[in-house]
Amino acid sequence: MASPYGPSCAERVMAYFSKAMASRVLNSWLGICSDPLINHKSVHGAFQVFNNASPFIKFAHFTSNQAILEAFHRRDSVHILDLDIMQGLQWPALFHILATRMEGPPHVRMTGVGSSMEVLVETGKQLSNFASRLGLPFEFHPVAKKFGEIDASMVPLRRGETLAVHWLQHSLYDATGPDRKTLRLLEALAPRVITLVEQDISNGGSFLDRFVGSLHYYSALFDSLGACLPCDDPGRHRIEHCLLYREINNILAIGGPARSGEDKFRQWRSELAKKISFKQVAMSGNSMAQAQLILNIFPPAHGYSLVQGDGILSLGWKDTSLFTVSAWTSRASG
């Protein structure tokens, strides 16, 4: 009886969890375990609404950009590899800073990875036009495959180029494929910096673990939206229906991204820490300042919790951490 249009956040969460559980039963009965078709325009449009209505995506973008900017200091040729670029909302802000830096703009090459070549080409055009208006030398290369399913030859590096890898993880769909293959490819590329944004929720483990963890996580996320948007706000429903419900359904009904046959890491930053080839780079005070500035423009500021510790930055709602940003470097990078 719960409604996704209900006045209380708890009722809306229950409505979507009920739908996901019904889908799980149906999938088990029919033996369906594959990804549903993705309506990229719907997902990306809702993602943009979420970016405008809540600080979480901007927090991920601006703190990651700061770490990348620091890695590119005094570098003349730079390469950004985005493992799931979507519409590229993050990059215009970084381009503007690079174009106006004291030592002059670098040559920027970007490899955008995604599942739709049509979306990638459109994103590349928009970023190229923006870079051109800034006078920033720019190249864009689309790769319409999952990152864990390609080899290093598809991401060729040029001599003297400084590589940054960015990955904003989500539970909408499995963006990268097998985690262990993705990790091996990152080792082979030896980037100067990896900026990693993780949802503080596990896509791996048993169904019970995923259910309890996701119920706690999405209850906090729905509550944060309810604090700043009225229950009849169409943008709020779009975020909840096109993004958050899709994530809940992916975690519970489809079996989580582990359905590809290879277990997904519970936490990527702990896996990187185990590898001798990578070491963590502490998020700087400038990143913390960026995050605080973002929170200042999103009321109610009292509900969000910003924590810096162990070299990472985490943004949550009240006592629940929701998104964590960390930075890493390859010991083999130049």
Protein backbone atom coordinates (compact mmCIF):
# COMPACT_ATOMS: atom_id res chain seq x y z
CA MET A 1 0.00 0.00 0.00
CA ALA A 2 3.03 2.30 0.23
CA SER A 3 3.17 4.99 -2.46
CA PRO A 4 6.24 6.52 -4.12
CA TYR A 5 4.31 9.83 -3.92
CA GLY A 6 3.66 9.51 -0.17
CA PRO A 7 4.22 12.44 2.19
CA SER A 8 6.79 10.63 4.33
CA CYS A 9 10.27 9.62 3.18
CA ALA A 10 9.87 6.23 4.89
CA GLU A 11 6.76 5.44 2.85
CA ARG A 12 8.50 6.33 -0.42
CA VAL A 13 11.49 4.14 0.47
CA MET A 14 9.17 1.25 1.35
CA ALA A 15 7.31 1.65 -1.96
CA TYR A 16 10.48 1.30 -4.00
CA PHE A 17 11.87 -1.55 -1.90
CA SER A 18 8.56 -3.38 -2.33
CA LYS A 19 8.77 -2.94 -6.11
CA ALA A 20 12.36 -4.21 -6.13
CA MET A 21 11.44 -7.25 -4.05
CA ALA A 22 8.54 -8.04 -6.39
CA SER A 23 10.95 -7.80 -9.33
CA ARG A 24 13.36 -10.11 -7.54
CA VAL A 25 10.67 -12.77 -7.12
CA LEU A 26 9.69 -12.44 -10.78
CA ASN A 27 13.30 -12.58 -11.96
CA SER A 28 13.94 -15.69 -9.86
CA TRP A 29 10.85 -17.38 -11.25
CA LEU A 30 11.66 -16.55 -14.89
CA GLY A 31 15.41 -16.98 -14.51
CA ILE A 32 16.17 -13.44 -15.67
CA CYS A 33 19.54 -12.13 -14.48
CA SER A 34 20.57 -9.65 -17.14
CA ASP A 35 20.61 -5.87 -17.19
CA PRO A 36 17.37 -4.21 -18.20
CA LEU A 37 17.63 -1.85 -21.15
CA ILE A 38 19.04 1.52 -20.11
CA ASN A 39 17.27 4.68 -21.20
CA HIS A 40 20.37 6.88 -21.16
CA LYS A 41 18.50 10.14 -21.73
CA SER A 42 16.20 9.43 -18.78
CA VAL A 43 19.06 8.42 -16.47
CA HIS A 44 21.33 11.31 -17.44
CA GLY A 45 18.49 13.84 -17.23
CA ALA A 46 17.63 12.65 -13.71
CA PHE A 47 21.33 12.71 -12.80
CA GLN A 48 21.48 16.37 -13.82
CA VAL A 49 18.41 17.17 -11.67
CA PHE A 50 20.10 15.40 -8.75
CA ASN A 51 23.26 17.43 -9.37
CA ASN A 52 21.25 20.68 -9.13
CA ALA A 53 19.09 19.69 -6.14
CA SER A 54 21.60 18.07 -3.81
CA PRO A 55 25.28 18.65 -2.88
CA PHE A 56 26.41 15.02 -3.25
CA ILE A 57 27.32 15.03 -6.96
CA LYS A 58 28.92 18.48 -6.84
CA PHE A 59 30.89 17.33 -3.79
CA ALA A 60 32.21 14.38 -5.81
CA HIS A 61 33.03 16.55 -8.84
CA PHE A 62 34.76 19.47 -7.15
CA THR A 63 36.83 17.51 -4.63
CA SER A 64 38.00 15.13 -7.37
CA ASN A 65 38.82 18.05 -9.66
CA GLN A 66 40.98 19.57 -6.94
CA ALA A 67 43.03 16.37 -6.61
CA ILE A 68 43.42 16.15 -10.40
CA LEU A 69 44.41 19.81 -10.62
CA GLU A 70 47.15 19.26 -8.04
CA ALA A 71 48.45 16.22 -9.96
CA PHE A 72 48.57 18.30 -13.17
CA HIS A 73 50.61 21.12 -11.61
CA ARG A 74 53.18 22.39 -14.15
CA ARG A 75 52.34 19.55 -16.57
CA ASP A 76 52.08 20.58 -20.24
CA SER A 77 50.36 17.48 -21.62
CA VAL A 78 47.62 15.79 -19.63
CA HIS A 79 45.23 12.92 -20.23
CA ILE A 80 41.97 12.37 -18.32
CA LEU A 81 40.41 8.90 -18.40
CA ASP A 82 36.81 8.91 -17.14
CA LEU A 83 35.59 5.36 -16.55
CA ASP A 84 31.90 6.33 -16.84
CA ILE A 85 31.67 9.81 -18.28
CA MET A 86 27.88 10.10 -18.82
CA GLN A 87 27.29 13.76 -19.84
CA GLY A 88 30.66 14.99 -18.62
CA LEU A 89 29.09 17.45 -16.15
CA GLN A 90 32.23 17.45 -14.04
CA TRP A 91 34.75 18.67 -16.58
CA PRO A 92 33.85 22.25 -17.62
CA ALA A 93 34.80 23.54 -14.15
CA LEU A 94 38.22 21.85 -14.37
CA PHE A 95 38.74 23.07 -17.95
CA HIS A 96 38.13 26.65 -16.84
CA ILE A 97 40.82 26.43 -14.15
CA LEU A 98 43.33 24.74 -16.49
CA ALA A 99 42.72 27.34 -19.21
CA THR A 100 43.47 30.22 -16.83
CA ARG A 101 46.37 28.84 -14.80
CA MET A 102 49.48 31.00 -14.35
CA GLU A 103 51.85 28.76 -16.31
CA GLY A 104 49.49 28.59 -19.28
CA PRO A 105 46.99 25.93 -20.35
CA PRO A 106 48.13 22.35 -20.96
CA HIS A 107 47.13 20.21 -23.91
CA VAL A 108 44.22 18.13 -22.61
CA ARG A 109 43.33 14.73 -24.00
CA MET A 110 40.27 12.94 -22.65
CA THR A 111 39.14 9.35 -23.02
CA GLY A 112 35.48 8.93 -22.14
CA VAL A 113 34.22 5.42 -21.43
CA GLY A 114 30.53 4.53 -21.60
CA SER A 115 28.06 2.03 -23.02
CA SER A 116 26.44 4.24 -25.69
CA MET A 117 28.52 5.59 -28.57
CA GLU A 118 25.74 8.07 -29.39
CA VAL A 119 25.89 9.55 -25.88
CA LEU A 120 29.70 9.57 -25.91
CA VAL A 121 29.88 11.42 -29.23
CA GLU A 122 27.40 14.06 -28.01
CA THR A 123 29.34 14.47 -24.74
CA GLY A 124 32.59 14.83 -26.70
CA LYS A 125 31.09 17.55 -28.91
CA GLN A 126 29.86 19.54 -25.91
CA LEU A 127 33.20 19.31 -24.10
CA SER A 128 35.14 20.17 -27.28
CA ASN A 129 32.98 23.26 -27.86
CA PHE A 130 33.45 24.39 -24.27
CA ALA A 131 37.24 23.88 -24.43
CA SER A 132 37.38 25.77 -27.74
CA ARG A 133 35.61 28.79 -26.22
CA LEU A 134 38.23 28.80 -23.44
CA GLY A 135 41.15 28.46 -25.87
CA LEU A 136 42.10 25.14 -24.26
CA PRO A 137 43.80 22.62 -26.61
CA PHE A 138 41.57 19.54 -26.37
CA GLU A 139 41.04 16.09 -27.87
CA PHE A 140 38.26 13.64 -27.04
CA HIS A 141 38.29 9.89 -27.63
CA PRO A 142 35.16 7.78 -26.97
CA VAL A 143 35.35 4.12 -25.91
CA ALA A 144 31.95 2.42 -26.01
CA LYS A 145 32.82 -0.63 -23.91
CA LYS A 146 33.08 -1.50 -20.25
CA PHE A 147 36.52 -0.55 -18.98
CA GLY A 148 37.17 -4.00 -17.47
CA GLU A 149 36.58 -5.59 -20.87
CA ILE A 150 39.19 -3.67 -22.87
CA ASP A 151 42.98 -3.85 -22.97
CA ALA A 152 45.58 -1.13 -22.48
CA SER A 153 46.04 -0.70 -26.26
CA MET A 154 42.62 0.98 -26.42
CA VAL A 155 43.88 3.71 -24.07
CA PRO A 156 47.25 4.57 -25.63
CA LEU A 157 49.44 6.96 -23.66
CA ARG A 158 51.76 9.47 -25.30
CA ARG A 159 55.29 10.19 -24.23
CA GLY A 160 55.41 12.86 -21.53
CA GLU A 161 51.66 12.72 -20.90
CA THR A 162 50.35 12.85 -17.31
CA LEU A 163 47.41 10.51 -16.79
CA ALA A 164 44.53 11.03 -14.35
CA VAL A 165 41.82 8.38 -13.94
CA HIS A 166 38.44 9.36 -12.54
CA TRP A 167 35.69 7.01 -11.42
CA LEU A 168 32.41 8.16 -9.90
CA GLN A 169 30.85 4.85 -8.88
CA HIS A 170 27.12 4.27 -8.64
CA SER A 171 24.68 1.38 -8.44
CA LEU A 172 22.63 2.27 -11.53
CA TYR A 173 24.32 -0.40 -13.63
CA ASP A 174 27.63 -2.22 -13.82
CA ALA A 175 29.77 0.43 -15.53
CA THR A 176 33.15 -1.30 -15.59
CA GLY A 177 32.61 -5.06 -15.71
CA PRO A 178 34.94 -7.42 -13.80
CA ASP A 179 36.60 -5.58 -10.92
CA ARG A 180 39.83 -7.61 -10.93
CA LYS A 181 40.38 -7.00 -14.65
CA THR A 182 39.68 -3.31 -14.09
CA LEU A 183 42.29 -3.23 -11.32
CA ARG A 184 44.90 -4.99 -13.48
CA LEU A 185 44.32 -2.50 -16.29
CA LEU A 186 44.75 0.43 -13.90
CA GLU A 187 48.04 -1.10 -12.74
CA ALA A 188 49.20 -1.36 -16.35
CA LEU A 189 48.31 2.28 -17.09
CA ALA A 190 50.16 3.55 -13.97
CA PRO A 191 48.24 6.85 -13.62
CA ARG A 192 49.63 9.86 -11.82
CA VAL A 193 46.35 10.07 -9.91
CA ILE A 194 43.17 8.04 -9.51
CA THR A 195 40.22 9.91 -8.04
CA LEU A 196 37.70 7.46 -6.67
CA VAL A 197 34.17 8.37 -5.57
CA GLU A 198 32.36 5.55 -3.80
CA GLN A 199 28.86 5.19 -2.46
CA ASP A 200 29.17 3.94 1.09
CA ILE A 201 27.14 0.85 0.29
CA SER A 202 28.20 -2.66 -0.70
CA ASN A 203 27.11 -4.18 -4.01
CA GLY A 204 28.75 -7.46 -3.07
CA GLY A 205 28.13 -9.99 -0.34
CA SER A 206 24.99 -11.92 0.53
CA PHE A 207 21.47 -10.76 -0.30
CA LEU A 208 20.75 -10.10 3.37
CA ASP A 209 23.84 -7.88 3.66
CA ARG A 210 22.83 -5.94 0.55
CA PHE A 211 19.23 -5.58 1.74
CA VAL A 212 20.06 -4.28 5.22
CA GLY A 213 22.86 -2.01 4.00
CA SER A 214 20.84 -0.53 1.16
CA LEU A 215 17.77 0.03 3.34
CA HIS A 216 19.88 2.06 5.79
CA TYR A 217 21.65 3.91 2.96
CA TYR A 218 18.61 4.88 0.90
CA SER A 219 16.54 5.80 3.94
CA ALA A 220 19.16 8.47 4.68
CA LEU A 221 19.36 9.59 1.05
CA PHE A 222 15.56 9.88 0.68
CA ASP A 223 15.47 11.77 3.99
CA SER A 224 18.05 14.27 2.69
CA LEU A 225 15.93 14.93 -0.41
CA GLY A 226 12.80 15.30 1.71
CA ALA A 227 14.50 17.98 3.80
CA CYS A 228 15.09 20.27 0.82
CA LEU A 229 12.31 19.39 -1.67
CA PRO A 230 8.52 19.16 -1.05
CA CYS A 231 6.84 15.78 -1.52
CA ASP A 232 5.04 16.92 -4.69
CA ASP A 233 8.17 18.34 -6.35
CA PRO A 234 8.47 16.77 -9.84
CA GLY A 235 12.27 16.96 -9.75
CA ARG A 236 12.36 15.00 -6.50
CA HIS A 237 10.14 12.26 -7.95
CA ARG A 238 12.35 12.14 -11.05
CA ILE A 239 15.46 11.62 -8.91
CA GLU A 240 13.80 8.97 -6.77
CA HIS A 241 12.13 7.11 -9.64
CA CYS A 242 14.77 7.31 -12.41
CA LEU A 243 17.92 7.11 -10.27
CA LEU A 244 17.42 5.85 -6.74
CA TYR A 245 14.79 3.23 -7.54
CA ARG A 246 16.95 1.96 -10.39
CA GLU A 247 19.88 1.60 -7.96
CA ILE A 248 17.72 -0.21 -5.38
CA ASN A 249 16.38 -2.53 -8.08
CA ASN A 250 19.88 -3.22 -9.39
CA ILE A 251 21.19 -4.11 -5.92
CA LEU A 252 18.24 -6.26 -4.84
CA ALA A 253 16.28 -7.57 -7.82
CA ILE A 254 18.96 -8.20 -10.41
CA GLY A 255 21.39 -9.59 -7.87
CA GLY A 256 23.74 -6.64 -7.73
CA PRO A 257 26.51 -5.97 -10.26
CA ALA A 258 28.10 -9.30 -9.21
CA ARG A 259 25.67 -10.97 -11.65
CA SER A 260 28.42 -10.76 -14.31
CA GLY A 261 29.92 -13.88 -12.74
CA GLU A 262 32.87 -12.22 -11.00
CA ASP A 263 32.55 -10.94 -7.45
CA LYS A 264 32.60 -7.17 -7.07
CA PHE A 265 34.83 -5.54 -4.47
CA ARG A 266 32.98 -4.50 -1.34
CA GLN A 267 35.13 -1.37 -1.15
CA TRP A 268 37.50 -0.28 -3.89
CA ARG A 269 39.70 1.91 -1.72
CA SER A 270 40.54 -1.03 0.55
CA GLU A 271 41.51 -3.10 -2.50
CA LEU A 272 43.79 -0.33 -3.80
CA ALA A 273 45.39 -0.09 -0.35
CA LYS A 274 46.31 -3.80 -0.52
CA LYS A 275 48.20 -3.31 -3.78
CA ILE A 276 51.89 -2.46 -3.47
CA SER A 277 51.66 -0.72 -6.87
CA PHE A 278 49.37 2.02 -5.48
CA LYS A 279 49.62 4.41 -2.58
CA GLN A 280 47.03 6.79 -1.19
CA VAL A 281 47.30 10.54 -1.68
CA ALA A 282 45.66 12.49 1.15
CA MET A 283 42.84 14.81 0.10
CA SER A 284 44.21 18.31 0.61
CA GLY A 285 42.90 21.19 2.66
CA ASN A 286 41.81 22.83 -0.61
CA SER A 287 39.53 19.86 -1.30
CA MET A 288 37.98 20.25 2.14
CA ALA A 289 37.47 23.96 1.50
CA GLN A 290 35.77 23.18 -1.84
CA ALA A 291 33.43 20.72 -0.12
CA GLN A 292 32.54 23.24 2.58
CA LEU A 293 31.76 25.93 0.00
CA ILE A 294 29.40 23.54 -1.78
CA LEU A 295 27.56 22.74 1.45
CA ASN A 296 27.08 26.43 2.14
CA ILE A 297 24.86 26.78 -0.95
CA PHE A 298 22.65 23.77 -0.17
CA PRO A 299 20.23 24.25 2.73
CA PRO A 300 19.62 22.82 5.23
CA ALA A 301 23.35 22.81 6.01
CA HIS A 302 22.74 21.38 9.49
CA GLY A 303 21.66 18.01 8.07
CA TYR A 304 24.80 17.24 6.06
CA SER A 305 27.88 15.78 7.71
CA LEU A 306 31.30 16.43 6.18
CA VAL A 307 34.14 14.34 7.61
CA GLN A 308 37.86 14.36 6.80
CA GLY A 309 39.95 11.48 8.10
CA ASP A 310 42.45 8.82 6.99
CA GLY A 311 43.20 10.93 3.91
CA ILE A 312 39.63 10.76 2.59
CA LEU A 313 36.60 13.06 2.51
CA SER A 314 33.10 11.77 3.25
CA LEU A 315 29.77 13.52 2.86
CA GLY A 316 26.67 12.12 4.49
CA TRP A 317 23.29 12.90 5.93
CA LYS A 318 23.22 13.22 9.71
CA ASP A 319 25.08 10.14 11.03
CA THR A 320 25.14 8.15 7.77
CA SER A 321 28.07 8.51 5.37
CA LEU A 322 26.81 8.40 1.78
CA PHE A 323 29.66 9.37 -0.59
CA THR A 324 33.43 9.11 -0.01
CA VAL A 325 36.21 10.55 -2.16
CA SER A 326 39.77 9.23 -2.09
CA ALA A 327 42.85 9.77 -4.28
CA TRP A 328 45.58 7.33 -5.24
CA THR A 329 48.78 7.33 -7.26
CA SER A 330 50.70 4.59 -9.03
CA ARG A 331 54.21 4.12 -7.69
CA ALA A 332 55.30 3.59 -11.33
CA SER A 333 53.94 6.96 -12.54
CA GLY A 334 56.34 9.63 -13.70
